[in-house]
Structure formats: C-alpha cells, structure tokens
Amino acid sequence: MSLHSSTAIAEIAKLSCLSVADLRAEWGRVFGSSPPKTISRGYLVRAIAYHVQCGPHRGLPVAVQRALKKLSASVPSAAGRTDAATRILKPGARILREWKGAVHEVEVMDAGYRYGDRIYKSLSVIARQITGTRWSGPVFFGLKQTRAEVGRGL
C-alpha cells in the first residue's frame, strides 16, 4: 500500500468493500501473521486502516514491541516502583471517597478494610458495593494511578 495521503485514503476506502477472507489475507500481508480467529470484520478494517495511516512512521515491528514490553516489565523503574504504584496504608488509616453526593469512609484494618459494619478483604468489593459496578478498589479510592494518569506523568 502506498504511503501518499490521497492514495492511503483510497486504499482505506477499499477496505470496507473487501470480504472477511480478503481482509484476513490483507492482515497477514500487513502484520506478518494470521489475525485471531474470533476477530470481527470491523476490527480487521480498523487495524489495517490504522496501519495504512501510519505510513512510514509505523515504528518497530509488533514482535519487537512485545519483546521490549515483556523485558521492561521485569525491570524495576529508577524510582524502585511499578508503573502504577499503590500507596501502602497502615492499619487505622481512614480512606474517604465522595460518590454521588455521599461520603464513604473505609478504615484500614490488619486483616482487611472496615466499611460500615462489615470487614472486607478487598477495596474492590467495597467499590462495587458503593457503585454497583466493577471497579479497581485502589483506583476508585485514589490509591493507585490509572494507566492514563501514568502515561500523562500525573
């Protein structure tokens, strides 16, 4: 596929007309491997289109990116902490979180967390109790950065 923008636009437009079999073949040509068996047609189109848009700025091959990611995960950062460090709280500490106009208080215990009149082993269970949806407890209570915050250097 060409690297010129007008040609790239035309090539991306052609993707929507290809059959799933043709898109899978194009994936193999572009990425050098077969796509996952359960991948949707829409994702095939978007991934190949993204690759076309990147043009000469595609960066490192996917296999090299994976190897670097795996290697970097095994090396501690210079500060001696993981990418999304969790604050360590001592027993007796209190965590406050406002949610939909109500303030929720959690007390850190030796063997878990006290919320209301119950002791829980996990902040995530408490976060689910409060919100009704699955949350990372440390993220919900502000004890751990999200990946987006880490990426922005917050």
Protein backbone atom coordinates (compact mmCIF):
# COMPACT_ATOMS: atom_id res chain seq x y z
CA MET A 1 0.00 0.00 0.00
CA SER A 2 1.21 3.46 -0.85
CA LEU A 3 2.34 6.00 1.68
CA HIS A 4 0.83 9.07 -0.04
CA SER A 5 -2.18 10.52 1.79
CA SER A 6 -4.60 10.58 -1.19
CA THR A 7 -3.64 7.03 -2.10
CA ALA A 8 -3.91 5.95 1.53
CA ILE A 9 -7.43 7.41 1.76
CA ALA A 10 -8.45 5.48 -1.36
CA GLU A 11 -6.91 2.28 -0.02
CA ILE A 12 -8.70 2.68 3.31
CA ALA A 13 -11.99 3.23 1.48
CA LYS A 14 -11.43 -0.01 -0.46
CA LEU A 15 -11.11 -1.96 2.79
CA SER A 16 -14.82 -1.65 3.52
CA CYS A 17 -15.59 -3.43 0.23
CA LEU A 18 -13.36 -6.45 0.93
CA SER A 19 -14.73 -9.77 2.13
CA VAL A 20 -13.70 -11.12 5.53
CA ALA A 21 -11.44 -13.67 3.80
CA ASP A 22 -9.75 -10.88 1.81
CA LEU A 23 -9.38 -8.75 4.97
CA ARG A 24 -7.78 -11.70 6.80
CA ALA A 25 -5.35 -12.12 3.89
CA GLU A 26 -4.55 -8.39 3.95
CA TRP A 27 -3.97 -8.60 7.72
CA GLY A 28 -1.44 -11.39 7.10
CA ARG A 29 0.34 -9.32 4.46
CA VAL A 30 0.38 -6.18 6.61
CA PHE A 31 1.17 -7.67 10.04
CA GLY A 32 3.06 -10.80 9.01
CA SER A 33 0.81 -13.18 10.93
CA SER A 34 -2.72 -14.55 10.89
CA PRO A 35 -5.35 -12.50 12.70
CA PRO A 36 -7.01 -14.02 15.78
CA LYS A 37 -9.81 -16.40 14.78
CA THR A 38 -12.50 -14.52 16.70
CA ILE A 39 -11.62 -11.05 15.44
CA SER A 40 -14.54 -9.08 13.99
CA ARG A 41 -14.70 -7.70 10.47
CA GLY A 42 -14.89 -4.16 11.84
CA TYR A 43 -11.71 -4.60 13.85
CA LEU A 44 -9.89 -6.05 10.82
CA VAL A 45 -10.82 -2.95 8.82
CA ARG A 46 -9.84 -0.52 11.60
CA ALA A 47 -6.50 -2.21 12.35
CA ILE A 48 -5.44 -2.36 8.70
CA ALA A 49 -6.62 1.23 8.13
CA TYR A 50 -4.58 2.38 11.12
CA HIS A 51 -1.54 0.63 9.70
CA VAL A 52 -2.04 2.37 6.34
CA GLN A 53 -2.43 5.77 8.03
CA CYS A 54 0.79 5.35 9.96
CA GLY A 55 2.68 5.14 6.68
CA PRO A 56 6.43 5.36 7.14
CA HIS A 57 6.02 6.07 10.86
CA ARG A 58 4.93 2.55 11.75
CA GLY A 59 7.68 2.16 14.30
CA LEU A 60 9.10 -1.12 15.49
CA PRO A 61 7.71 -4.46 14.35
CA VAL A 62 4.99 -5.85 16.63
CA ALA A 63 7.21 -8.77 17.72
CA VAL A 64 9.94 -6.37 18.82
CA GLN A 65 7.40 -4.19 20.67
CA ARG A 66 6.12 -7.26 22.54
CA ALA A 67 9.64 -8.37 23.45
CA LEU A 68 10.51 -4.89 24.76
CA LYS A 69 7.30 -4.69 26.77
CA LYS A 70 7.99 -8.09 28.33
CA LEU A 71 11.57 -7.10 29.13
CA SER A 72 10.58 -3.75 30.62
CA ALA A 73 8.01 -5.39 32.89
CA SER A 74 10.78 -7.40 34.54
CA VAL A 75 12.99 -4.38 35.28
CA PRO A 76 12.09 -2.09 38.21
CA SER A 77 11.95 1.61 37.43
CA ALA A 78 14.62 4.00 38.62
CA ALA A 79 12.41 5.07 41.50
CA GLY A 80 12.03 1.44 42.57
CA ARG A 81 8.29 1.39 41.94
CA THR A 82 5.98 -0.10 39.36
CA ASP A 83 4.28 1.99 36.69
CA ALA A 84 1.13 2.31 38.76
CA ALA A 85 2.37 2.28 42.32
CA THR A 86 -0.19 1.68 45.02
CA ARG A 87 0.13 3.61 48.25
CA ILE A 88 0.63 1.44 51.31
CA LEU A 89 -1.71 2.28 54.17
CA LYS A 90 -1.18 1.35 57.81
CA PRO A 91 -3.92 -0.11 59.99
CA GLY A 92 -6.04 2.66 61.46
CA ALA A 93 -5.81 4.85 58.36
CA ARG A 94 -9.11 6.13 57.01
CA ILE A 95 -9.98 6.47 53.35
CA LEU A 96 -12.71 8.89 52.32
CA ARG A 97 -14.44 8.87 48.94
CA GLU A 98 -17.33 11.03 47.82
CA TRP A 99 -19.68 9.24 45.42
CA LYS A 100 -22.89 10.73 44.07
CA GLY A 101 -23.16 13.23 46.91
CA ALA A 102 -22.48 10.77 49.74
CA VAL A 103 -19.17 10.47 51.60
CA HIS A 104 -18.00 6.89 52.14
CA GLU A 105 -15.44 6.10 54.84
CA VAL A 106 -13.26 2.98 54.92
CA GLU A 107 -10.95 2.11 57.81
CA VAL A 108 -7.79 0.11 57.10
CA MET A 109 -7.57 -2.93 59.41
CA ASP A 110 -4.86 -5.53 59.98
CA ALA A 111 -6.91 -8.12 58.11
CA GLY A 112 -8.78 -6.03 55.55
CA TYR A 113 -10.97 -2.96 55.43
CA ARG A 114 -13.96 -1.90 57.54
CA TYR A 115 -16.80 -0.31 55.61
CA GLY A 116 -19.99 0.28 57.54
CA ASP A 117 -20.41 -2.57 59.99
CA ARG A 118 -18.57 -5.18 57.89
CA ILE A 119 -14.93 -6.09 57.26
CA TYR A 120 -13.92 -6.78 53.66
CA LYS A 121 -10.72 -8.34 52.34
CA SER A 122 -10.72 -6.16 49.22
CA LEU A 123 -11.22 -2.50 48.40
CA SER A 124 -12.60 -3.60 45.04
CA VAL A 125 -15.51 -5.35 46.74
CA ILE A 126 -16.26 -2.17 48.66
CA ALA A 127 -16.04 -0.08 45.47
CA ARG A 128 -18.52 -2.45 43.81
CA GLN A 129 -20.82 -2.21 46.85
CA ILE A 130 -20.77 1.60 46.57
CA THR A 131 -21.07 1.96 42.79
CA GLY A 132 -22.89 -1.19 41.73
CA THR A 133 -20.25 -1.79 39.03
CA ARG A 134 -16.82 -3.40 38.86
CA TRP A 135 -14.03 -1.06 39.87
CA SER A 136 -10.42 -1.43 40.86
CA GLY A 137 -10.70 -0.57 44.56
CA PRO A 138 -7.29 1.14 44.74
CA VAL A 139 -8.15 3.25 41.68
CA PHE A 140 -11.66 4.08 42.94
CA PHE A 141 -10.28 5.27 46.29
CA GLY A 142 -7.42 7.20 44.67
CA LEU A 143 -4.64 4.95 45.98
CA LYS A 144 -3.40 3.86 42.57
CA GLN A 145 -2.93 5.74 39.34
CA THR A 146 -4.79 4.63 36.23
CA ARG A 147 -2.72 3.75 33.16
CA ALA A 148 -3.84 7.01 31.55
CA GLU A 149 -2.54 9.01 34.54
CA VAL A 150 0.77 7.15 34.46
CA GLY A 151 1.07 7.85 30.73
CA ARG A 152 0.48 11.57 31.31
CA GLY A 153 3.04 11.64 34.11
CA LEU A 154 0.48 12.51 36.80
